[in-house]
Amino acid sequence: MSTHMNRRQLLKTGALLTGGLGLLPTLATSALAHAPAESFHPLKVLETDESVLLSAPPEVKARLSANENPFGPSVKAKQAIQDAIAKSYQYPFMASRELISKISAYENIPAEQILLGAGSSPILLAAALYYSKDGGSVVTADPSYDDLPEKAEDFKARLIKVPLTADYHLDLDAMEKAIAADTKLVYICNPNNPTATALDTAKLRAFCERVSAKVPVFIDEAYIDYLDDPKAASMLDCVRNKQNVIIARTFSKLYGFAGLRVGYAVGPTATMRAISQYSNGGMSIAATSIQAAAVAYNDFEYLNAAKAKTVASKQFLYDVLKAEGYTWIPSAANFVMFPIKMEARKFGDEMMKRGVSIRTWKFAGKEWCRISIGTMEEMQAFANAFREIS
């Protein structure tokens, strides 16, 4: 037998030595766009987070269209990036193992049940590929974050979209009833994007217990850190209790890593092993990013400070909307959705002319604007522009 080892075999061996599935590089994935797609199809082809920003004028006063954290990353994360540069010629096996170990210890989840990714997007793609490979259907809410469901549809899965409740929450009862004989996955984004509504924890946990006995449940917790008690609200208990539930997390939101690209998923060992076959795992993450994440993970001093600033900016936005006679959906995340009084695309264009990027939707018979929470200076720029056209 030849003793030659190619680069792919070397990476795989190094990944296995770390002891975590999060480092297992297997099938290469295509380049990914991070922007969420519209669930309202006439608008879907017109704008995404990415297309809005790419069409923006050179001087954007307020970038409020992509649900980013304008206060991050933390000082510790920035220092870790600088420290990592000198040895960035090396594959970051140790840093990946360190991050997996920290997640494993804090969440009381075995390392082999953790899959790393360059943000949550590659993990969502891997799940879409795996659960659509034999056809079937995926149950999701409408509107909700469409990355995983629409990629599954691209690979020939059938989407079953369930409208939200009258108060714009995911309708768990209706989603359960919508499960068909060929359903391969139920996808839930909590808190939901674009509405920023959060589900009752006890009801969601009971839903997961019932439904996962029949169909896998994928919970996207990208915005979970913005809740008052993220650990209590998370469905990770379902994974600990051996239920067929997968949890996706990202550093892109409260941690401020949207451009650094770090995320992970947690689920049953066999499921993580299966999904990893469609993902490059931790080897898709740059050495600078993974070391920053390992240092930043659960830096509660920074996270609480960033959350407090987000709350202050959000309250400023509420005050502006109220003064102008607008209502809004109460937000459990770092963005706010409110109905507008003109055609959505025109509203977006008018705001962009004034240097403010936002997102728009049409659903439930209304035109909507979604505002990402920015710095107080950015929120003031929004307020100035909004008052001119409201």
Protein backbone atom coordinates (compact mmCIF):
# COMPACT_ATOMS: atom_id res chain seq x y z
CA MET A 1 0.00 0.00 0.00
CA SER A 2 1.27 3.45 -0.87
CA THR A 3 2.37 5.62 2.04
CA HIS A 4 1.63 8.77 0.05
CA MET A 5 -0.98 10.98 1.66
CA ASN A 6 -2.65 13.71 -0.37
CA ARG A 7 -3.79 17.05 1.02
CA ARG A 8 -7.36 15.91 1.48
CA GLN A 9 -6.28 12.85 3.46
CA LEU A 10 -3.96 14.99 5.56
CA LEU A 11 -6.75 17.40 6.43
CA LYS A 12 -9.09 14.58 7.29
CA THR A 13 -6.51 12.92 9.51
CA GLY A 14 -5.75 16.18 11.27
CA ALA A 15 -9.44 16.78 11.79
CA LEU A 16 -9.97 13.39 13.34
CA LEU A 17 -7.05 13.92 15.68
CA THR A 18 -8.90 16.87 17.21
CA GLY A 19 -11.72 14.59 18.28
CA GLY A 20 -14.58 16.71 16.89
CA LEU A 21 -16.90 16.21 13.95
CA GLY A 22 -16.84 19.98 13.63
CA LEU A 23 -13.45 19.61 11.95
CA LEU A 24 -14.35 16.84 9.52
CA PRO A 25 -13.75 18.05 5.97
CA THR A 26 -15.59 15.91 3.48
CA LEU A 27 -17.35 16.93 0.30
CA ALA A 28 -16.54 20.43 -0.88
CA THR A 29 -19.45 22.85 -1.05
CA SER A 30 -20.13 25.64 -3.52
CA ALA A 31 -19.65 29.29 -2.68
CA LEU A 32 -22.50 30.60 -0.57
CA ALA A 33 -24.45 33.82 -0.49
CA HIS A 34 -25.30 34.75 3.10
CA ALA A 35 -28.26 36.93 2.36
CA PRO A 36 -31.73 35.67 3.27
CA ALA A 37 -34.11 35.34 0.33
CA GLU A 38 -37.62 36.80 0.24
CA SER A 39 -40.46 34.43 0.99
CA PHE A 40 -42.73 36.75 -1.02
CA HIS A 41 -41.80 35.63 -4.51
CA PRO A 42 -42.44 38.85 -6.51
CA LEU A 43 -39.88 40.57 -4.26
CA LYS A 44 -37.51 37.62 -3.97
CA VAL A 45 -35.88 38.23 -7.33
CA LEU A 46 -35.62 41.95 -6.70
CA GLU A 47 -33.74 42.29 -3.45
CA THR A 48 -31.76 40.46 -0.79
CA ASP A 49 -29.52 41.78 1.98
CA GLU A 50 -26.63 41.46 -0.47
CA SER A 51 -28.31 43.08 -3.48
CA VAL A 52 -29.51 46.03 -1.39
CA LEU A 53 -25.98 46.78 -0.21
CA LEU A 54 -24.34 46.19 -3.59
CA SER A 55 -26.71 48.72 -5.15
CA ALA A 56 -26.15 51.26 -2.40
CA PRO A 57 -24.53 54.64 -3.13
CA PRO A 58 -20.88 55.07 -2.09
CA GLU A 59 -21.85 56.98 1.04
CA VAL A 60 -24.23 54.92 3.18
CA LYS A 61 -25.04 56.78 6.39
CA ALA A 62 -26.84 53.86 8.00
CA ARG A 63 -26.37 50.20 7.00
CA LEU A 64 -29.59 48.79 8.44
CA SER A 65 -30.41 46.00 6.00
CA ALA A 66 -28.39 42.93 7.00
CA ASN A 67 -29.05 42.27 10.74
CA GLU A 68 -25.42 42.81 11.66
CA ASN A 69 -24.06 43.85 15.06
CA PRO A 70 -22.44 47.27 14.52
CA PHE A 71 -20.79 47.11 17.98
CA GLY A 72 -18.60 44.09 17.34
CA PRO A 73 -16.44 42.11 17.40
CA SER A 74 -15.10 42.49 20.92
CA VAL A 75 -11.69 43.87 21.83
CA LYS A 76 -10.61 40.36 22.88
CA ALA A 77 -11.68 38.95 19.51
CA LYS A 78 -9.80 41.65 17.60
CA GLN A 79 -6.66 40.98 19.62
CA ALA A 80 -6.98 37.25 18.97
CA ILE A 81 -7.15 37.93 15.24
CA GLN A 82 -3.94 39.93 15.39
CA ASP A 83 -2.23 37.24 17.47
CA ALA A 84 -3.30 34.54 15.01
CA ILE A 85 -1.82 36.19 11.93
CA ALA A 86 1.78 35.15 12.63
CA LYS A 87 0.93 31.43 12.48
CA SER A 88 -1.91 31.63 9.98
CA TYR A 89 0.17 29.54 7.59
CA GLN A 90 -0.76 26.59 9.83
CA TYR A 91 -4.07 24.71 9.72
CA PRO A 92 -5.98 25.76 12.86
CA PHE A 93 -6.61 22.29 14.29
CA MET A 94 -5.96 23.28 17.91
CA ALA A 95 -8.13 26.41 17.82
CA SER A 96 -10.99 24.41 16.32
CA ARG A 97 -10.64 21.78 19.02
CA GLU A 98 -10.56 24.53 21.66
CA LEU A 99 -13.82 26.05 20.41
CA ILE A 100 -15.53 22.66 20.23
CA SER A 101 -14.32 21.87 23.76
CA LYS A 102 -15.72 25.15 25.08
CA ILE A 103 -19.09 24.60 23.43
CA SER A 104 -19.15 21.00 24.64
CA ALA A 105 -18.39 21.97 28.25
CA TYR A 106 -20.81 24.90 28.43
CA GLU A 107 -23.71 23.13 26.73
CA ASN A 108 -23.00 19.67 28.19
CA ILE A 109 -22.97 18.18 24.70
CA PRO A 110 -20.40 15.56 23.56
CA ALA A 111 -17.85 16.92 21.08
CA GLU A 112 -18.86 14.41 18.41
CA GLN A 113 -22.31 16.03 18.31
CA ILE A 114 -20.90 19.44 17.28
CA LEU A 115 -20.30 20.45 13.67
CA LEU A 116 -18.46 23.69 12.90
CA GLY A 117 -18.93 25.81 9.80
CA ALA A 118 -17.96 29.15 8.27
CA GLY A 119 -21.06 30.79 9.68
CA SER A 120 -24.31 28.85 9.77
CA SER A 121 -24.86 29.12 5.99
CA PRO A 122 -22.72 26.07 5.05
CA ILE A 123 -24.49 24.05 7.73
CA LEU A 124 -27.91 25.09 6.41
CA LEU A 125 -26.77 24.12 2.91
CA ALA A 126 -25.47 20.75 4.14
CA ALA A 127 -28.79 20.05 5.85
CA ALA A 128 -30.71 21.11 2.73
CA LEU A 129 -28.62 18.73 0.61
CA TYR A 130 -28.96 15.84 3.01
CA TYR A 131 -32.71 16.11 3.63
CA SER A 132 -33.61 16.73 -0.01
CA LYS A 133 -31.40 14.05 -1.58
CA ASP A 134 -34.31 11.63 -1.94
CA GLY A 135 -36.99 14.23 -2.65
CA GLY A 136 -39.82 14.70 -0.19
CA SER A 137 -41.01 17.87 1.51
CA VAL A 138 -39.78 20.45 4.03
CA VAL A 139 -42.22 22.27 6.31
CA THR A 140 -41.37 25.90 7.08
CA ALA A 141 -43.09 29.13 8.13
CA ASP A 142 -44.03 31.98 5.80
CA PRO A 143 -42.40 34.41 6.02
CA SER A 144 -39.28 33.06 7.67
CA TYR A 145 -35.58 32.72 6.93
CA ASP A 146 -35.52 30.91 3.61
CA ASP A 147 -31.88 29.84 3.22
CA LEU A 148 -32.31 26.18 4.11
CA PRO A 149 -35.85 25.70 2.71
CA GLU A 150 -35.17 27.35 -0.64
CA LYS A 151 -31.89 25.50 -1.12
CA ALA A 152 -33.78 22.27 -0.40
CA GLU A 153 -36.31 23.33 -3.03
CA ASP A 154 -33.46 23.94 -5.48
CA PHE A 155 -32.52 20.30 -4.93
CA LYS A 156 -36.08 19.19 -5.76
CA ALA A 157 -37.64 19.10 -2.30
CA ARG A 158 -41.21 20.33 -2.04
CA LEU A 159 -41.77 23.27 0.32
CA ILE A 160 -44.82 23.38 2.56
CA LYS A 161 -45.09 26.99 3.73
CA VAL A 162 -47.32 27.68 6.73
CA PRO A 163 -48.56 31.27 7.31
CA LEU A 164 -47.80 33.00 10.60
CA THR A 165 -50.40 33.59 13.30
CA ALA A 166 -52.36 36.84 13.49
CA ASP A 167 -49.69 38.27 15.81
CA TYR A 168 -46.86 37.22 13.43
CA HIS A 169 -45.52 34.25 15.37
CA LEU A 170 -44.76 30.86 13.88
CA ASP A 171 -47.93 28.75 13.99
CA LEU A 172 -46.67 25.55 15.59
CA ASP A 173 -50.05 23.82 15.56
CA ALA A 174 -50.52 24.51 11.86
CA MET A 175 -46.96 23.46 11.08
CA GLU A 176 -47.49 20.15 12.85
CA LYS A 177 -50.72 19.56 10.93
CA ALA A 178 -48.93 20.40 7.66
CA ILE A 179 -46.49 17.50 8.01
CA ALA A 180 -47.07 15.12 5.12
CA ALA A 181 -46.20 11.49 4.56
CA ASP A 182 -43.12 12.56 2.57
CA THR A 183 -41.92 15.28 4.96
CA LYS A 184 -38.19 14.97 5.64
CA LEU A 185 -37.64 18.01 7.87
CA VAL A 186 -39.42 20.75 9.81
CA TYR A 187 -37.46 24.02 9.84
CA ILE A 188 -38.03 26.63 12.56
CA CYS A 189 -36.20 29.95 12.93
CA ASN A 190 -36.50 31.19 16.52
CA PRO A 191 -36.46 34.14 16.99
CA ASN A 192 -37.90 34.40 13.51
CA ASN A 193 -36.42 36.43 10.67
CA PRO A 194 -37.88 38.79 9.36
CA THR A 195 -40.54 39.30 12.06
CA ALA A 196 -38.24 39.13 15.15
CA THR A 197 -40.89 37.22 17.11
CA ALA A 198 -39.88 34.52 19.58
CA LEU A 199 -41.86 31.40 20.41
CA ASP A 200 -43.01 30.40 23.87
CA THR A 201 -40.23 28.14 25.15
CA ALA A 202 -42.47 25.53 26.77
CA LYS A 203 -44.69 25.26 23.68
CA LEU A 204 -41.69 24.91 21.36
CA ARG A 205 -40.11 22.29 23.59
CA ALA A 206 -43.35 20.29 23.64
CA PHE A 207 -43.58 20.65 19.84
CA CYS A 208 -40.05 19.32 19.40
CA GLU A 209 -40.72 16.36 21.68
CA ARG A 210 -43.87 15.37 19.76
CA VAL A 211 -42.78 16.11 16.20
CA SER A 212 -39.18 14.86 16.38
CA ALA A 213 -40.50 11.41 17.15
CA LYS A 214 -41.86 11.42 13.58
CA VAL A 215 -39.80 13.95 11.60
CA PRO A 216 -36.44 15.68 12.29
CA VAL A 217 -36.80 19.25 13.58
CA PHE A 218 -34.19 21.86 12.66
CA ILE A 219 -34.13 24.91 14.98
CA ASP A 220 -32.19 27.91 13.67
CA GLU A 221 -31.14 29.90 16.75
CA ALA A 222 -29.17 32.63 14.98
CA TYR A 223 -30.76 35.33 17.17
CA ILE A 224 -31.09 33.39 20.42
CA ASP A 225 -28.40 35.48 22.15
CA TYR A 226 -30.67 38.56 22.03
CA LEU A 227 -33.20 36.95 24.37
CA ASP A 228 -33.08 37.71 28.09
CA ASP A 229 -32.08 34.15 28.99
CA PRO A 230 -30.69 32.46 25.87
CA LYS A 231 -29.69 29.24 27.60
CA ALA A 232 -33.18 28.70 29.02
CA ALA A 233 -34.84 29.53 25.69
CA SER A 234 -32.63 27.24 23.60
CA MET A 235 -33.85 23.83 22.44
CA LEU A 236 -30.50 22.22 23.24
CA ASP A 237 -32.28 20.29 26.00
CA CYS A 238 -33.99 18.38 23.22
CA VAL A 239 -30.61 17.25 21.91
CA ARG A 240 -29.49 16.27 25.40
CA ASN A 241 -32.70 14.27 25.75
CA LYS A 242 -31.83 12.24 22.61
CA GLN A 243 -34.59 13.78 20.48
CA ASN A 244 -34.19 14.05 16.70
CA VAL A 245 -33.53 17.80 16.87
CA ILE A 246 -30.75 19.84 15.27
CA ILE A 247 -29.74 23.28 16.55
CA ALA A 248 -27.85 25.82 14.43
CA ARG A 249 -25.96 28.73 15.99
CA THR A 250 -23.89 31.54 14.51
CA PHE A 251 -21.37 34.10 15.74
CA SER A 252 -22.61 36.48 13.02
CA LYS A 253 -25.14 38.32 15.18
CA LEU A 254 -24.49 39.38 18.78
CA TYR A 255 -20.82 38.32 18.60
CA GLY A 256 -20.30 40.66 15.63
CA PHE A 257 -18.65 38.01 13.40
CA ALA A 258 -20.78 38.41 10.25
CA GLY A 259 -17.67 39.01 8.14
CA LEU A 260 -15.49 36.55 10.06
CA ARG A 261 -17.79 33.56 9.37
CA VAL A 262 -18.06 31.17 12.32
CA GLY A 263 -21.02 28.99 13.21
CA TYR A 264 -21.90 25.53 14.44
CA ALA A 265 -24.66 22.96 14.70
CA VAL A 266 -25.52 20.49 17.44
CA GLY A 267 -27.57 17.33 17.02
CA PRO A 268 -27.64 13.55 17.36
CA THR A 269 -24.29 11.94 16.60
CA ALA A 270 -25.54 9.95 13.61
CA THR A 271 -27.26 13.02 12.17
CA MET A 272 -24.19 15.19 12.54
CA ARG A 273 -22.10 12.50 10.90
CA ALA A 274 -24.54 12.30 7.98
CA ILE A 275 -24.78 16.07 7.49
CA SER A 276 -21.00 16.43 7.73
CA GLN A 277 -20.71 14.48 4.47
CA TYR A 278 -22.06 17.60 2.74
CA SER A 279 -19.87 20.09 4.59
CA ASN A 280 -16.21 21.07 4.91
CA GLY A 281 -16.77 21.57 8.62
CA GLY A 282 -14.25 23.51 10.66
CA MET A 283 -11.66 23.42 7.89
CA SER A 284 -13.72 26.05 6.05
CA ILE A 285 -12.98 28.59 8.82
CA ALA A 286 -9.93 30.84 8.63
CA ALA A 287 -7.33 30.53 11.40
CA THR A 288 -7.89 34.15 12.42
CA SER A 289 -11.65 33.68 12.70
CA ILE A 290 -11.60 30.39 14.62
CA GLN A 291 -9.09 31.69 17.15
CA ALA A 292 -11.15 34.83 17.63
CA ALA A 293 -14.26 32.73 18.18
CA ALA A 294 -12.50 30.52 20.72
CA VAL A 295 -11.54 33.62 22.71
CA ALA A 296 -14.88 35.41 22.28
CA TYR A 297 -17.15 32.48 23.12
CA ASN A 298 -19.30 33.36 26.11
CA ASP A 299 -17.53 36.65 26.79
CA PHE A 300 -20.60 37.73 28.73
CA GLU A 301 -19.19 41.13 29.67
CA TYR A 302 -18.99 42.05 25.99
CA LEU A 303 -22.22 40.28 24.99
CA ASN A 304 -24.26 42.00 27.68
CA ALA A 305 -22.81 45.40 26.78
CA ALA A 306 -23.59 44.90 23.08
CA LYS A 307 -27.08 43.73 23.94
CA ALA A 308 -27.67 46.79 26.13
CA LYS A 309 -26.63 49.11 23.30
CA THR A 310 -28.92 47.23 20.94
CA VAL A 311 -31.84 47.68 23.35
CA ALA A 312 -31.14 51.42 23.61
CA SER A 313 -31.05 51.85 19.83
CA LYS A 314 -34.20 49.75 19.49
CA GLN A 315 -36.04 51.93 22.00
CA PHE A 316 -34.97 55.01 20.05
CA LEU A 317 -36.47 53.42 16.92
CA TYR A 318 -39.72 52.64 18.73
CA ASP A 319 -39.95 56.27 19.86
CA VAL A 320 -39.43 57.53 16.30
CA LEU A 321 -42.06 55.20 14.88
CA LYS A 322 -44.55 56.12 17.58
CA ALA A 323 -44.01 59.84 17.03
CA GLU A 324 -44.70 59.39 13.30
CA GLY A 325 -47.88 57.40 13.92
CA TYR A 326 -46.54 53.94 13.03
CA THR A 327 -46.99 50.58 14.72
CA TRP A 328 -44.47 47.72 14.79
CA ILE A 329 -44.05 44.07 15.69
CA PRO A 330 -42.41 43.88 19.15
CA SER A 331 -38.89 42.58 18.56
CA ALA A 332 -36.98 39.81 20.33
CA ALA A 333 -33.92 40.27 18.11
CA ASN A 334 -31.68 42.97 16.62
CA PHE A 335 -34.17 44.15 14.01
CA VAL A 336 -37.70 45.51 13.89
CA MET A 337 -40.44 45.05 11.32
CA PHE A 338 -43.23 47.57 10.79
CA PRO A 339 -45.94 48.18 8.16
CA ILE A 340 -45.30 51.17 5.88
CA LYS A 341 -47.66 53.53 4.09
CA MET A 342 -46.27 53.35 0.56
CA GLU A 343 -45.24 50.67 -1.91
CA ALA A 344 -42.38 48.69 -0.36
CA ARG A 345 -39.91 48.99 -3.20
CA LYS A 346 -40.49 52.73 -3.53
CA PHE A 347 -39.97 53.15 0.21
CA GLY A 348 -36.69 51.28 0.03
CA ASP A 349 -35.52 53.37 -2.91
CA GLU A 350 -36.41 56.63 -1.17
CA MET A 351 -34.55 55.62 1.98
CA MET A 352 -31.53 54.58 -0.08
CA LYS A 353 -31.48 57.98 -1.78
CA ARG A 354 -31.02 59.40 1.70
CA GLY A 355 -28.15 57.03 2.50
CA VAL A 356 -30.09 54.49 4.57
CA SER A 357 -30.26 50.83 3.52
CA ILE A 358 -33.27 48.83 4.75
CA ARG A 359 -35.19 45.70 3.70
CA THR A 360 -38.79 45.45 2.53
CA TRP A 361 -41.39 42.67 2.30
CA LYS A 362 -44.99 42.16 1.28
CA PHE A 363 -47.13 39.71 3.24
CA ALA A 364 -50.42 39.51 5.14
CA GLY A 365 -51.82 42.10 2.76
CA LYS A 366 -49.37 44.80 3.89
CA GLU A 367 -46.14 46.47 2.79
CA TRP A 368 -43.36 46.07 5.38
CA CYS A 369 -39.99 47.54 6.27
CA ARG A 370 -37.39 45.65 8.31
CA ILE A 371 -34.83 47.79 10.12
CA SER A 372 -31.67 46.27 11.53
CA ILE A 373 -30.61 47.89 14.78
CA GLY A 374 -27.56 50.12 14.31
CA THR A 375 -25.50 52.49 16.38
CA MET A 376 -27.30 55.50 17.80
CA GLU A 377 -25.76 57.62 15.03
CA GLU A 378 -27.15 55.24 12.41
CA MET A 379 -30.56 55.24 14.04
CA GLN A 380 -30.54 59.04 13.99
CA ALA A 381 -29.72 58.94 10.28
CA PHE A 382 -32.69 56.61 9.78
CA ALA A 383 -34.92 58.93 11.77
CA ASN A 384 -33.93 61.97 9.70
CA ALA A 385 -34.59 60.15 6.44
CA PHE A 386 -37.78 58.50 7.65
CA ARG A 387 -39.34 61.78 8.77
CA GLU A 388 -38.87 63.19 5.29
CA ILE A 389 -40.93 60.48 3.61
CA SER A 390 -43.18 59.03 6.33
